[in-house]
Amino acid sequence: MNAVINMMLGKVDKTSAADVTGDGSVDIADVNTIINIMLGKD
């Protein structure tokens, strides 16, 4: 999750692997999805 946040902040290059939602961008939706996966929510 920290890697995705760093990508959003421009600290590291974005990769398609960080686009967890598959919407073509790395953003807060990806972070939320990762949190939900960690919590076992669908």
PDB file of N, CA and C in Angstrom:
ATOM      1  N   MET A   1       0.826  -1.182   0.000  1.00  0.00           N
ATOM      2  CA  MET A   1       0.000   0.000   0.000  1.00  0.00           C
ATOM      3  C   MET A   1       0.878   1.256   0.000  1.00  0.00           C
ATOM      4  N   ASN A   2       1.960   1.245   0.749  1.00  0.00           N
ATOM      5  CA  ASN A   2       2.851   2.409   0.766  1.00  0.00           C
ATOM      6  C   ASN A   2       3.407   2.700  -0.622  1.00  0.00           C
ATOM      7  N   ALA A   3       3.691   1.655  -1.392  1.00  0.00           N
ATOM      8  CA  ALA A   3       4.211   1.850  -2.743  1.00  0.00           C
ATOM      9  C   ALA A   3       3.193   2.593  -3.602  1.00  0.00           C
ATOM     10  N   VAL A   4       1.930   2.247  -3.480  1.00  0.00           N
ATOM     11  CA  VAL A   4       0.879   2.917  -4.259  1.00  0.00           C
ATOM     12  C   VAL A   4       0.763   4.376  -3.835  1.00  0.00           C
ATOM     13  N   ILE A   5       0.820   4.639  -2.556  1.00  0.00           N
ATOM     14  CA  ILE A   5       0.754   6.023  -2.062  1.00  0.00           C
ATOM     15  C   ILE A   5       1.951   6.813  -2.578  1.00  0.00           C
ATOM     16  N   ASN A   6       3.144   6.220  -2.556  1.00  0.00           N
ATOM     17  CA  ASN A   6       4.322   6.904  -3.081  1.00  0.00           C
ATOM     18  C   ASN A   6       4.177   7.188  -4.570  1.00  0.00           C
ATOM     19  N   MET A   7       3.548   6.306  -5.314  1.00  0.00           N
ATOM     20  CA  MET A   7       3.295   6.553  -6.734  1.00  0.00           C
ATOM     21  C   MET A   7       2.341   7.722  -6.916  1.00  0.00           C
ATOM     22  N   MET A   8       1.310   7.768  -6.085  1.00  0.00           N
ATOM     23  CA  MET A   8       0.350   8.871  -6.165  1.00  0.00           C
ATOM     24  C   MET A   8       1.026  10.201  -5.869  1.00  0.00           C
ATOM     25  N   LEU A   9       1.997  10.199  -4.977  1.00  0.00           N
ATOM     26  CA  LEU A   9       2.704  11.415  -4.586  1.00  0.00           C
ATOM     27  C   LEU A   9       3.848  11.754  -5.539  1.00  0.00           C
ATOM     28  N   GLY A  10       4.104  10.892  -6.522  1.00  0.00           N
ATOM     29  CA  GLY A  10       5.150  11.143  -7.490  1.00  0.00           C
ATOM     30  C   GLY A  10       6.547  10.830  -6.987  1.00  0.00           C
ATOM     31  N   LYS A  11       6.640  10.095  -5.891  1.00  0.00           N
ATOM     32  CA  LYS A  11       7.952   9.759  -5.324  1.00  0.00           C
ATOM     33  C   LYS A  11       8.614   8.608  -6.061  1.00  0.00           C
ATOM     34  N   VAL A  12       7.829   7.740  -6.678  1.00  0.00           N
ATOM     35  CA  VAL A  12       8.349   6.635  -7.487  1.00  0.00           C
ATOM     36  C   VAL A  12       7.514   6.544  -8.759  1.00  0.00           C
ATOM     37  N   ASP A  13       8.092   5.913  -9.785  1.00  0.00           N
ATOM     38  CA  ASP A  13       7.377   5.768 -11.048  1.00  0.00           C
ATOM     39  C   ASP A  13       6.158   4.871 -10.885  1.00  0.00           C
ATOM     40  N   LYS A  14       5.088   5.216 -11.597  1.00  0.00           N
ATOM     41  CA  LYS A  14       3.877   4.408 -11.567  1.00  0.00           C
ATOM     42  C   LYS A  14       4.062   3.173 -12.436  1.00  0.00           C
ATOM     43  N   THR A  15       3.458   2.074 -12.001  1.00  0.00           N
ATOM     44  CA  THR A  15       3.469   0.843 -12.777  1.00  0.00           C
ATOM     45  C   THR A  15       2.038   0.341 -12.912  1.00  0.00           C
ATOM     46  N   SER A  16       1.786  -0.408 -13.954  1.00  0.00           N
ATOM     47  CA  SER A  16       0.436  -0.927 -14.161  1.00  0.00           C
ATOM     48  C   SER A  16       0.045  -1.909 -13.054  1.00  0.00           C
ATOM     49  N   ALA A  17       1.025  -2.513 -12.400  1.00  0.00           N
ATOM     50  CA  ALA A  17       0.730  -3.455 -11.316  1.00  0.00           C
ATOM     51  C   ALA A  17       0.071  -2.758 -10.134  1.00  0.00           C
ATOM     52  N   ALA A  18       0.293  -1.462  -9.986  1.00  0.00           N
ATOM     53  CA  ALA A  18      -0.305  -0.715  -8.877  1.00  0.00           C
ATOM     54  C   ALA A  18      -1.756  -0.342  -9.147  1.00  0.00           C
ATOM     55  N   ASP A  19      -2.192  -0.489 -10.388  1.00  0.00           N
ATOM     56  CA  ASP A  19      -3.571  -0.174 -10.755  1.00  0.00           C
ATOM     57  C   ASP A  19      -4.459  -1.356 -10.394  1.00  0.00           C
ATOM     58  N   VAL A  20      -4.743  -1.486  -9.115  1.00  0.00           N
ATOM     59  CA  VAL A  20      -5.492  -2.631  -8.587  1.00  0.00           C
ATOM     60  C   VAL A  20      -6.920  -2.649  -9.109  1.00  0.00           C
ATOM     61  N   THR A  21      -7.508  -1.489  -9.319  1.00  0.00           N
ATOM     62  CA  THR A  21      -8.894  -1.413  -9.775  1.00  0.00           C
ATOM     63  C   THR A  21      -9.031  -1.631 -11.276  1.00  0.00           C
ATOM     64  N   GLY A  22      -7.930  -1.509 -12.007  1.00  0.00           N
ATOM     65  CA  GLY A  22      -7.962  -1.716 -13.450  1.00  0.00           C
ATOM     66  C   GLY A  22      -8.597  -0.593 -14.237  1.00  0.00           C
ATOM     67  N   ASP A  23      -8.642   0.622 -13.648  1.00  0.00           N
ATOM     68  CA  ASP A  23      -9.282   1.739 -14.336  1.00  0.00           C
ATOM     69  C   ASP A  23      -8.305   2.612 -15.130  1.00  0.00           C
ATOM     70  N   GLY A  24      -7.039   2.193 -15.192  1.00  0.00           N
ATOM     71  CA  GLY A  24      -6.056   2.926 -15.975  1.00  0.00           C
ATOM     72  C   GLY A  24      -5.308   4.006 -15.229  1.00  0.00           C
ATOM     73  N   SER A  25      -5.571   4.179 -13.932  1.00  0.00           N
ATOM     74  CA  SER A  25      -4.841   5.175 -13.154  1.00  0.00           C
ATOM     75  C   SER A  25      -4.530   4.627 -11.765  1.00  0.00           C
ATOM     76  N   VAL A  26      -3.493   5.188 -11.170  1.00  0.00           N
ATOM     77  CA  VAL A  26      -3.125   4.823  -9.801  1.00  0.00           C
ATOM     78  C   VAL A  26      -3.586   5.968  -8.915  1.00  0.00           C
ATOM     79  N   ASP A  27      -4.595   5.696  -8.086  1.00  0.00           N
ATOM     80  CA  ASP A  27      -5.178   6.758  -7.278  1.00  0.00           C
ATOM     81  C   ASP A  27      -5.723   6.192  -5.966  1.00  0.00           C
ATOM     82  N   ILE A  28      -6.464   7.014  -5.262  1.00  0.00           N
ATOM     83  CA  ILE A  28      -6.990   6.633  -3.948  1.00  0.00           C
ATOM     84  C   ILE A  28      -7.903   5.417  -4.023  1.00  0.00           C
ATOM     85  N   ALA A  29      -8.541   5.205  -5.157  1.00  0.00           N
ATOM     86  CA  ALA A  29      -9.405   4.032  -5.311  1.00  0.00           C
ATOM     87  C   ALA A  29      -8.590   2.748  -5.179  1.00  0.00           C
ATOM     88  N   ASP A  30      -7.355   2.775  -5.674  1.00  0.00           N
ATOM     89  CA  ASP A  30      -6.491   1.602  -5.541  1.00  0.00           C
ATOM     90  C   ASP A  30      -6.117   1.358  -4.085  1.00  0.00           C
ATOM     91  N   VAL A  31      -5.829   2.436  -3.366  1.00  0.00           N
ATOM     92  CA  VAL A  31      -5.517   2.316  -1.939  1.00  0.00           C
ATOM     93  C   VAL A  31      -6.716   1.745  -1.186  1.00  0.00           C
ATOM     94  N   ASN A  32      -7.895   2.255  -1.467  1.00  0.00           N
ATOM     95  CA  ASN A  32      -9.110   1.763  -0.810  1.00  0.00           C
ATOM     96  C   ASN A  32      -9.337   0.285  -1.110  1.00  0.00           C
ATOM     97  N   THR A  33      -9.097  -0.106  -2.347  1.00  0.00           N
ATOM     98  CA  THR A  33      -9.269  -1.501  -2.731  1.00  0.00           C
ATOM     99  C   THR A  33      -8.293  -2.391  -1.982  1.00  0.00           C
ATOM    100  N   ILE A  34      -7.046  -1.956  -1.866  1.00  0.00           N
ATOM    101  CA  ILE A  34      -6.049  -2.735  -1.126  1.00  0.00           C
ATOM    102  C   ILE A  34      -6.463  -2.872   0.336  1.00  0.00           C
ATOM    103  N   ILE A  35      -6.935  -1.801   0.934  1.00  0.00           N
ATOM    104  CA  ILE A  35      -7.394  -1.854   2.331  1.00  0.00           C
ATOM    105  C   ILE A  35      -8.549  -2.841   2.466  1.00  0.00           C
ATOM    106  N   ASN A  36      -9.505  -2.786   1.547  1.00  0.00           N
ATOM    107  CA  ASN A  36     -10.642  -3.703   1.615  1.00  0.00           C
ATOM    108  C   ASN A  36     -10.202  -5.157   1.460  1.00  0.00           C
ATOM    109  N   ILE A  37      -9.225  -5.402   0.592  1.00  0.00           N
ATOM    110  CA  ILE A  37      -8.700  -6.759   0.433  1.00  0.00           C
ATOM    111  C   ILE A  37      -8.058  -7.209   1.730  1.00  0.00           C
ATOM    112  N   MET A  38      -7.288  -6.344   2.355  1.00  0.00           N
ATOM    113  CA  MET A  38      -6.621  -6.680   3.610  1.00  0.00           C
ATOM    114  C   MET A  38      -7.631  -6.977   4.721  1.00  0.00           C
ATOM    115  N   LEU A  39      -8.760  -6.279   4.691  1.00  0.00           N
ATOM    116  CA  LEU A  39      -9.791  -6.470   5.711  1.00  0.00           C
ATOM    117  C   LEU A  39     -10.763  -7.600   5.367  1.00  0.00           C
ATOM    118  N   GLY A  40     -10.576  -8.199   4.182  1.00  0.00           N
ATOM    119  CA  GLY A  40     -11.432  -9.304   3.774  1.00  0.00           C
ATOM    120  C   GLY A  40     -12.792  -8.864   3.285  1.00  0.00           C
ATOM    121  N   LYS A  41     -12.911  -7.599   2.890  1.00  0.00           N
ATOM    122  CA  LYS A  41     -14.188  -7.095   2.369  1.00  0.00           C
ATOM    123  C   LYS A  41     -14.180  -7.184   0.853  1.00  0.00           C
ATOM    124  N   ASP A  42     -15.340  -7.387   0.285  1.00  0.00           N
ATOM    125  CA  ASP A  42     -15.472  -7.446  -1.182  1.00  0.00           C
ATOM    126  C   ASP A  42     -15.716  -6.088  -1.749  1.00  0.00           C
TER     127      ASP A  42
END
